[in-house]
PDB file of N, CA and C in Angstrom:
ATOM      1  N   MET A   1       5.332 -75.255  43.451  1.00  0.00           N
ATOM      2  CA  MET A   1       6.648 -75.580  42.970  1.00  0.00           C
ATOM      3  C   MET A   1       7.553 -75.893  44.123  1.00  0.00           C
ATOM      4  N   ASN A   2       8.334 -77.036  44.031  1.00  0.00           N
ATOM      5  CA  ASN A   2       9.196 -77.269  45.142  1.00  0.00           C
ATOM      6  C   ASN A   2      10.495 -76.442  45.037  1.00  0.00           C
ATOM      7  N   PRO A   3      11.193 -76.191  46.138  1.00  0.00           N
ATOM      8  CA  PRO A   3      12.347 -75.311  46.016  1.00  0.00           C
ATOM      9  C   PRO A   3      13.477 -75.730  45.092  1.00  0.00           C
ATOM     10  N   GLN A   4      13.658 -77.066  44.970  1.00  0.00           N
ATOM     11  CA  GLN A   4      14.637 -77.544  44.018  1.00  0.00           C
ATOM     12  C   GLN A   4      14.321 -77.196  42.609  1.00  0.00           C
ATOM     13  N   ALA A   5      13.066 -77.434  42.201  1.00  0.00           N
ATOM     14  CA  ALA A   5      12.583 -77.108  40.870  1.00  0.00           C
ATOM     15  C   ALA A   5      12.730 -75.543  40.651  1.00  0.00           C
ATOM     16  N   ALA A   6      12.344 -74.795  41.692  1.00  0.00           N
ATOM     17  CA  ALA A   6      12.455 -73.320  41.507  1.00  0.00           C
ATOM     18  C   ALA A   6      13.834 -72.884  41.323  1.00  0.00           C
ATOM     19  N   TYR A   7      14.789 -73.536  42.118  1.00  0.00           N
ATOM     20  CA  TYR A   7      16.228 -73.195  42.058  1.00  0.00           C
ATOM     21  C   TYR A   7      16.744 -73.481  40.607  1.00  0.00           C
ATOM     22  N   ASN A   8      16.457 -74.686  40.110  1.00  0.00           N
ATOM     23  CA  ASN A   8      16.891 -75.109  38.772  1.00  0.00           C
ATOM     24  C   ASN A   8      16.312 -74.156  37.734  1.00  0.00           C
ATOM     25  N   MET A   9      15.096 -73.797  37.798  1.00  0.00           N
ATOM     26  CA  MET A   9      14.488 -72.858  36.784  1.00  0.00           C
ATOM     27  C   MET A   9      15.116 -71.490  36.885  1.00  0.00           C
ATOM     28  N   CYS A  10      15.362 -71.077  38.071  1.00  0.00           N
ATOM     29  CA  CYS A  10      15.980 -69.712  38.276  1.00  0.00           C
ATOM     30  C   CYS A  10      17.388 -69.755  37.729  1.00  0.00           C
ATOM     31  N   CYS A  11      18.080 -70.802  37.979  1.00  0.00           N
ATOM     32  CA  CYS A  11      19.511 -70.880  37.385  1.00  0.00           C
ATOM     33  C   CYS A  11      19.407 -70.822  35.868  1.00  0.00           C
ATOM     34  N   LYS A  12      18.425 -71.569  35.309  1.00  0.00           N
ATOM     35  CA  LYS A  12      18.284 -71.560  33.806  1.00  0.00           C
ATOM     36  C   LYS A  12      17.929 -70.256  33.296  1.00  0.00           C
ATOM     37  N   TYR A  13      17.165 -69.438  33.958  1.00  0.00           N
ATOM     38  CA  TYR A  13      16.760 -68.149  33.492  1.00  0.00           C
ATOM     39  C   TYR A  13      17.585 -66.988  33.985  1.00  0.00           C
ATOM     40  N   GLN A  14      18.754 -67.220  34.691  1.00  0.00           N
ATOM     41  CA  GLN A  14      19.518 -66.162  35.249  1.00  0.00           C
ATOM     42  C   GLN A  14      19.975 -65.213  34.153  1.00  0.00           C
ATOM     43  N   GLY A  15      19.787 -63.895  34.403  1.00  0.00           N
ATOM     44  CA  GLY A  15      20.137 -62.859  33.433  1.00  0.00           C
ATOM     45  C   GLY A  15      18.956 -62.517  32.526  1.00  0.00           C
ATOM     46  N   LYS A  16      17.857 -63.294  32.612  1.00  0.00           N
ATOM     47  CA  LYS A  16      16.743 -63.032  31.826  1.00  0.00           C
ATOM     48  C   LYS A  16      15.561 -62.352  32.612  1.00  0.00           C
ATOM     49  N   ARG A  17      14.729 -61.718  31.906  1.00  0.00           N
ATOM     50  CA  ARG A  17      13.537 -61.021  32.458  1.00  0.00           C
ATOM     51  C   ARG A  17      12.451 -62.039  32.726  1.00  0.00           C
ATOM     52  N   VAL A  18      12.021 -62.151  33.993  1.00  0.00           N
ATOM     53  CA  VAL A  18      11.078 -63.208  34.304  1.00  0.00           C
ATOM     54  C   VAL A  18       9.853 -62.587  35.090  1.00  0.00           C
ATOM     55  N   ARG A  19       8.817 -63.394  35.119  1.00  0.00           N
ATOM     56  CA  ARG A  19       7.644 -63.105  35.947  1.00  0.00           C
ATOM     57  C   ARG A  19       7.485 -64.263  36.999  1.00  0.00           C
ATOM     58  N   ILE A  20       7.641 -63.903  38.303  1.00  0.00           N
ATOM     59  CA  ILE A  20       7.605 -64.899  39.396  1.00  0.00           C
ATOM     60  C   ILE A  20       6.263 -64.628  40.201  1.00  0.00           C
ATOM     61  N   THR A  21       5.538 -65.698  40.463  1.00  0.00           N
ATOM     62  CA  THR A  21       4.397 -65.638  41.340  1.00  0.00           C
ATOM     63  C   THR A  21       4.806 -66.266  42.627  1.00  0.00           C
ATOM     64  N   ASP A  22       4.480 -65.749  43.734  1.00  0.00           N
ATOM     65  CA  ASP A  22       4.801 -66.325  45.059  1.00  0.00           C
ATOM     66  C   ASP A  22       3.554 -66.935  45.646  1.00  0.00           C
ATOM     67  N   ASN A  23       3.672 -67.631  46.759  1.00  0.00           N
ATOM     68  CA  ASN A  23       2.535 -68.302  47.454  1.00  0.00           C
ATOM     69  C   ASN A  23       1.569 -67.376  48.058  1.00  0.00           C
ATOM     70  N   GLY A  24       1.868 -66.049  48.131  1.00  0.00           N
ATOM     71  CA  GLY A  24       0.999 -65.085  48.646  1.00  0.00           C
ATOM     72  C   GLY A  24       0.157 -64.418  47.503  1.00  0.00           C
ATOM     73  N   GLY A  25       0.362 -64.856  46.237  1.00  0.00           N
ATOM     74  CA  GLY A  25      -0.310 -64.369  45.070  1.00  0.00           C
ATOM     75  C   GLY A  25       0.376 -63.067  44.502  1.00  0.00           C
ATOM     76  N   ASN A  26       1.514 -62.642  45.044  1.00  0.00           N
ATOM     77  CA  ASN A  26       2.168 -61.526  44.519  1.00  0.00           C
ATOM     78  C   ASN A  26       2.908 -61.874  43.240  1.00  0.00           C
ATOM     79  N   VAL A  27       2.940 -60.930  42.375  1.00  0.00           N
ATOM     80  CA  VAL A  27       3.667 -61.122  41.091  1.00  0.00           C
ATOM     81  C   VAL A  27       4.839 -60.197  40.977  1.00  0.00           C
ATOM     82  N   HIS A  28       6.020 -60.768  40.744  1.00  0.00           N
ATOM     83  CA  HIS A  28       7.204 -59.963  40.678  1.00  0.00           C
ATOM     84  C   HIS A  28       7.804 -60.137  39.299  1.00  0.00           C
ATOM     85  N   VAL A  29       8.164 -58.921  38.597  1.00  0.00           N
ATOM     86  CA  VAL A  29       8.678 -58.917  37.304  1.00  0.00           C
ATOM     87  C   VAL A  29      10.018 -58.236  37.374  1.00  0.00           C
ATOM     88  N   GLY A  30      11.024 -58.833  36.845  1.00  0.00           N
ATOM     89  CA  GLY A  30      12.407 -58.297  36.756  1.00  0.00           C
ATOM     90  C   GLY A  30      13.385 -59.228  36.184  1.00  0.00           C
ATOM     91  N   ARG A  31      14.605 -58.821  36.197  1.00  0.00           N
ATOM     92  CA  ARG A  31      15.690 -59.596  35.638  1.00  0.00           C
ATOM     93  C   ARG A  31      16.374 -60.318  36.874  1.00  0.00           C
ATOM     94  N   ILE A  32      16.597 -61.664  36.680  1.00  0.00           N
ATOM     95  CA  ILE A  32      17.320 -62.429  37.727  1.00  0.00           C
ATOM     96  C   ILE A  32      18.752 -62.032  37.736  1.00  0.00           C
ATOM     97  N   THR A  33      19.274 -61.528  38.837  1.00  0.00           N
ATOM     98  CA  THR A  33      20.686 -61.195  38.884  1.00  0.00           C
ATOM     99  C   THR A  33      21.469 -62.151  39.716  1.00  0.00           C
ATOM    100  N   ARG A  34      20.872 -62.926  40.546  1.00  0.00           N
ATOM    101  CA  ARG A  34      21.611 -63.868  41.381  1.00  0.00           C
ATOM    102  C   ARG A  34      20.679 -64.955  41.865  1.00  0.00           C
ATOM    103  N   VAL A  35      21.242 -66.166  42.036  1.00  0.00           N
ATOM    104  CA  VAL A  35      20.504 -67.207  42.703  1.00  0.00           C
ATOM    105  C   VAL A  35      21.397 -67.889  43.658  1.00  0.00           C
ATOM    106  N   ASP A  36      20.861 -68.137  44.896  1.00  0.00           N
ATOM    107  CA  ASP A  36      21.621 -68.927  45.888  1.00  0.00           C
ATOM    108  C   ASP A  36      20.731 -70.058  46.358  1.00  0.00           C
ATOM    109  N   ASN A  37      21.120 -70.771  47.399  1.00  0.00           N
ATOM    110  CA  ASN A  37      20.357 -71.958  47.768  1.00  0.00           C
ATOM    111  C   ASN A  37      19.137 -71.651  48.543  1.00  0.00           C
ATOM    112  N   ARG A  38      18.859 -70.288  48.849  1.00  0.00           N
ATOM    113  CA  ARG A  38      17.693 -69.900  49.513  1.00  0.00           C
ATOM    114  C   ARG A  38      16.806 -68.865  48.774  1.00  0.00           C
ATOM    115  N   ASN A  39      17.497 -68.023  48.030  1.00  0.00           N
ATOM    116  CA  ASN A  39      16.755 -66.915  47.383  1.00  0.00           C
ATOM    117  C   ASN A  39      17.065 -66.746  45.887  1.00  0.00           C
ATOM    118  N   VAL A  40      16.251 -66.124  45.178  1.00  0.00           N
ATOM    119  CA  VAL A  40      16.486 -65.573  43.823  1.00  0.00           C
ATOM    120  C   VAL A  40      16.385 -64.072  43.977  1.00  0.00           C
ATOM    121  N   TRP A  41      17.296 -63.415  43.357  1.00  0.00           N
ATOM    122  CA  TRP A  41      17.445 -61.982  43.459  1.00  0.00           C
ATOM    123  C   TRP A  41      16.933 -61.307  42.140  1.00  0.00           C
ATOM    124  N   LEU A  42      16.037 -60.424  42.193  1.00  0.00           N
ATOM    125  CA  LEU A  42      15.486 -59.740  41.040  1.00  0.00           C
ATOM    126  C   LEU A  42      15.773 -58.273  41.007  1.00  0.00           C
ATOM    127  N   MET A  43      16.167 -57.760  39.826  1.00  0.00           N
ATOM    128  CA  MET A  43      16.348 -56.401  39.594  1.00  0.00           C
ATOM    129  C   MET A  43      15.103 -55.872  38.955  1.00  0.00           C
ATOM    130  N   PRO A  44      14.169 -55.221  39.693  1.00  0.00           N
ATOM    131  CA  PRO A  44      12.907 -54.836  39.076  1.00  0.00           C
ATOM    132  C   PRO A  44      13.074 -53.831  37.937  1.00  0.00           C
ATOM    133  N   ASP A  45      12.163 -53.865  37.022  1.00  0.00           N
ATOM    134  CA  ASP A  45      12.126 -52.890  35.921  1.00  0.00           C
ATOM    135  C   ASP A  45      11.967 -51.504  36.497  1.00  0.00           C
ATOM    136  N   ALA A  46      12.648 -50.464  35.909  1.00  0.00           N
ATOM    137  CA  ALA A  46      12.491 -49.118  36.386  1.00  0.00           C
ATOM    138  C   ALA A  46      11.967 -48.245  35.234  1.00  0.00           C
ATOM    139  N   GLY A  47      10.693 -48.559  34.924  1.00  0.00           N
ATOM    140  CA  GLY A  47      10.008 -47.724  33.856  1.00  0.00           C
ATOM    141  C   GLY A  47      10.595 -47.963  32.486  1.00  0.00           C
ATOM    142  N   GLY A  48      11.396 -49.006  32.273  1.00  0.00           N
ATOM    143  CA  GLY A  48      11.896 -49.380  31.012  1.00  0.00           C
ATOM    144  C   GLY A  48      13.174 -48.589  30.656  1.00  0.00           C
ATOM    145  N   TYR A  49      13.730 -47.829  31.606  1.00  0.00           N
ATOM    146  CA  TYR A  49      14.902 -47.065  31.268  1.00  0.00           C
ATOM    147  C   TYR A  49      16.232 -47.684  31.642  1.00  0.00           C
ATOM    148  N   GLY A  50      16.133 -48.899  32.285  1.00  0.00           N
ATOM    149  CA  GLY A  50      17.403 -49.592  32.595  1.00  0.00           C
ATOM    150  C   GLY A  50      18.130 -49.036  33.815  1.00  0.00           C
ATOM    151  N   ILE A  51      17.392 -48.233  34.649  1.00  0.00           N
ATOM    152  CA  ILE A  51      18.012 -47.608  35.799  1.00  0.00           C
ATOM    153  C   ILE A  51      18.239 -48.642  36.909  1.00  0.00           C
ATOM    154  N   GLY A  52      17.252 -49.531  37.098  1.00  0.00           N
ATOM    155  CA  GLY A  52      17.391 -50.566  38.074  1.00  0.00           C
ATOM    156  C   GLY A  52      17.074 -50.142  39.461  1.00  0.00           C
ATOM    157  N   PHE A  53      17.287 -51.072  40.433  1.00  0.00           N
ATOM    158  CA  PHE A  53      17.004 -50.884  41.799  1.00  0.00           C
ATOM    159  C   PHE A  53      18.249 -51.351  42.582  1.00  0.00           C
ATOM    160  N   TRP A  54      18.818 -50.463  43.487  1.00  0.00           N
ATOM    161  CA  TRP A  54      20.053 -50.783  44.105  1.00  0.00           C
ATOM    162  C   TRP A  54      19.945 -51.612  45.334  1.00  0.00           C
ATOM    163  N   GLY A  55      18.719 -51.935  45.848  1.00  0.00           N
ATOM    164  CA  GLY A  55      18.544 -52.764  46.983  1.00  0.00           C
ATOM    165  C   GLY A  55      19.118 -52.112  48.243  1.00  0.00           C
ATOM    166  N   PHE A  56      19.306 -52.927  49.319  1.00  0.00           N
ATOM    167  CA  PHE A  56      19.790 -52.392  50.571  1.00  0.00           C
ATOM    168  C   PHE A  56      20.431 -53.520  51.358  1.00  0.00           C
ATOM    169  N   GLY A  57      21.122 -53.219  52.325  1.00  0.00           N
ATOM    170  CA  GLY A  57      21.808 -54.254  53.219  1.00  0.00           C
ATOM    171  C   GLY A  57      22.698 -55.169  52.440  1.00  0.00           C
ATOM    172  N   ALA A  58      22.599 -56.485  52.684  1.00  0.00           N
ATOM    173  CA  ALA A  58      23.439 -57.487  52.009  1.00  0.00           C
ATOM    174  C   ALA A  58      23.172 -57.569  50.504  1.00  0.00           C
ATOM    175  N   GLY A  59      22.006 -57.114  50.105  1.00  0.00           N
ATOM    176  CA  GLY A  59      21.592 -57.245  48.716  1.00  0.00           C
ATOM    177  C   GLY A  59      21.960 -56.157  47.814  1.00  0.00           C
ATOM    178  N   VAL A  60      22.875 -55.237  48.279  1.00  0.00           N
ATOM    179  CA  VAL A  60      23.171 -54.042  47.407  1.00  0.00           C
ATOM    180  C   VAL A  60      23.640 -54.557  46.044  1.00  0.00           C
ATOM    181  N   GLY A  61      23.010 -53.942  45.027  1.00  0.00           N
ATOM    182  CA  GLY A  61      23.348 -54.225  43.641  1.00  0.00           C
ATOM    183  C   GLY A  61      22.636 -55.410  43.085  1.00  0.00           C
ATOM    184  N   PHE A  62      21.931 -56.176  43.899  1.00  0.00           N
ATOM    185  CA  PHE A  62      21.232 -57.426  43.367  1.00  0.00           C
ATOM    186  C   PHE A  62      19.793 -57.292  43.300  1.00  0.00           C
ATOM    187  N   GLY A  63      19.194 -56.074  43.757  1.00  0.00           N
ATOM    188  CA  GLY A  63      17.766 -55.854  43.745  1.00  0.00           C
ATOM    189  C   GLY A  63      17.163 -56.409  45.039  1.00  0.00           C
ATOM    190  N   TYR A  64      16.157 -57.236  44.978  1.00  0.00           N
ATOM    191  CA  TYR A  64      15.584 -57.803  46.213  1.00  0.00           C
ATOM    192  C   TYR A  64      15.428 -59.304  46.064  1.00  0.00           C
ATOM    193  N   GLY A  65      15.410 -59.998  47.170  1.00  0.00           N
ATOM    194  CA  GLY A  65      15.367 -61.441  47.197  1.00  0.00           C
ATOM    195  C   GLY A  65      13.980 -61.995  47.360  1.00  0.00           C
ATOM    196  N   ILE A  66      13.683 -63.110  46.788  1.00  0.00           N
ATOM    197  CA  ILE A  66      12.460 -63.919  46.978  1.00  0.00           C
ATOM    198  C   ILE A  66      12.872 -65.358  47.404  1.00  0.00           C
ATOM    199  N   ALA A  67      12.274 -65.788  48.459  1.00  0.00           N
ATOM    200  CA  ALA A  67      12.644 -67.146  48.969  1.00  0.00           C
ATOM    201  C   ALA A  67      12.145 -68.172  47.906  1.00  0.00           C
ATOM    202  N   LEU A  68      13.127 -69.159  47.678  1.00  0.00           N
ATOM    203  CA  LEU A  68      12.809 -70.127  46.713  1.00  0.00           C
ATOM    204  C   LEU A  68      11.595 -70.982  47.111  1.00  0.00           C
ATOM    205  N   GLY A  69      11.422 -71.221  48.445  1.00  0.00           N
ATOM    206  CA  GLY A  69      10.236 -72.001  48.961  1.00  0.00           C
ATOM    207  C   GLY A  69       8.941 -71.278  48.763  1.00  0.00           C
ATOM    208  N   ALA A  70       8.962 -69.947  48.482  1.00  0.00           N
ATOM    209  CA  ALA A  70       7.734 -69.197  48.335  1.00  0.00           C
ATOM    210  C   ALA A  70       7.257 -69.109  46.900  1.00  0.00           C
ATOM    211  N   ILE A  71       8.047 -69.580  45.996  1.00  0.00           N
ATOM    212  CA  ILE A  71       7.714 -69.426  44.554  1.00  0.00           C
ATOM    213  C   ILE A  71       6.727 -70.506  44.093  1.00  0.00           C
ATOM    214  N   THR A  72       5.663 -70.064  43.433  1.00  0.00           N
ATOM    215  CA  THR A  72       4.696 -71.008  42.952  1.00  0.00           C
ATOM    216  C   THR A  72       4.765 -71.150  41.477  1.00  0.00           C
ATOM    217  N   GLY A  73       5.362 -70.129  40.815  1.00  0.00           N
ATOM    218  CA  GLY A  73       5.441 -70.225  39.294  1.00  0.00           C
ATOM    219  C   GLY A  73       6.465 -69.243  38.768  1.00  0.00           C
ATOM    220  N   ILE A  74       7.088 -69.603  37.683  1.00  0.00           N
ATOM    221  CA  ILE A  74       8.114 -68.759  37.021  1.00  0.00           C
ATOM    222  C   ILE A  74       7.883 -68.884  35.550  1.00  0.00           C
ATOM    223  N   ALA A  75       7.906 -67.741  34.881  1.00  0.00           N
ATOM    224  CA  ALA A  75       7.751 -67.650  33.419  1.00  0.00           C
ATOM    225  C   ALA A  75       8.619 -66.621  32.845  1.00  0.00           C
ATOM    226  N   LEU A  76       9.221 -66.868  31.667  1.00  0.00           N
ATOM    227  CA  LEU A  76       9.996 -65.785  31.025  1.00  0.00           C
ATOM    228  C   LEU A  76       8.996 -64.680  30.715  1.00  0.00           C
ATOM    229  N   ALA A  77       9.423 -63.424  30.991  1.00  0.00           N
ATOM    230  CA  ALA A  77       8.538 -62.254  30.805  1.00  0.00           C
ATOM    231  C   ALA A  77       8.821 -61.684  29.411  1.00  0.00           C
ATOM    232  N   SER A  78       7.780 -61.517  28.649  1.00  0.00           N
ATOM    233  CA  SER A  78       7.917 -60.803  27.323  1.00  0.00           C
ATOM    234  C   SER A  78       7.873 -59.383  27.579  1.00  0.00           C
ATOM    235  N   VAL A  79       7.959 -58.579  26.500  1.00  0.00           N
ATOM    236  CA  VAL A  79       7.946 -57.205  26.544  1.00  0.00           C
ATOM    237  C   VAL A  79       6.550 -56.714  27.036  1.00  0.00           C
ATOM    238  N   PHE A  80       5.516 -57.586  26.819  1.00  0.00           N
ATOM    239  CA  PHE A  80       4.192 -57.178  27.137  1.00  0.00           C
ATOM    240  C   PHE A  80       3.709 -57.518  28.499  1.00  0.00           C
ATOM    241  N   PHE A  81       4.551 -58.362  29.239  1.00  0.00           N
ATOM    242  CA  PHE A  81       4.246 -58.626  30.642  1.00  0.00           C
ATOM    243  C   PHE A  81       4.414 -57.363  31.481  1.00  0.00           C
ATOM    244  N   ILE A  82       3.467 -57.013  32.327  1.00  0.00           N
ATOM    245  CA  ILE A  82       3.618 -55.830  33.172  1.00  0.00           C
ATOM    246  C   ILE A  82       3.371 -56.288  34.604  1.00  0.00           C
TER     247      ILE A  82
END
């Protein structure tokens, strides 16, 4: 997936729970909290209790970032995606 297509899809799904696959084969599941021109920020699920992940450094409160250029696939995550 090219970075522009990934950016557009992330903007479309902002605030929603998604499943993102990166070019290393890693799968990330969480809620999109922020999208900028280089990264998408995910708040990972915390056991289903809504506690969230506070991140660190510049990403405090946004979870963790995934580079748009590293994304190979994005799908809306249902309750059954783990």
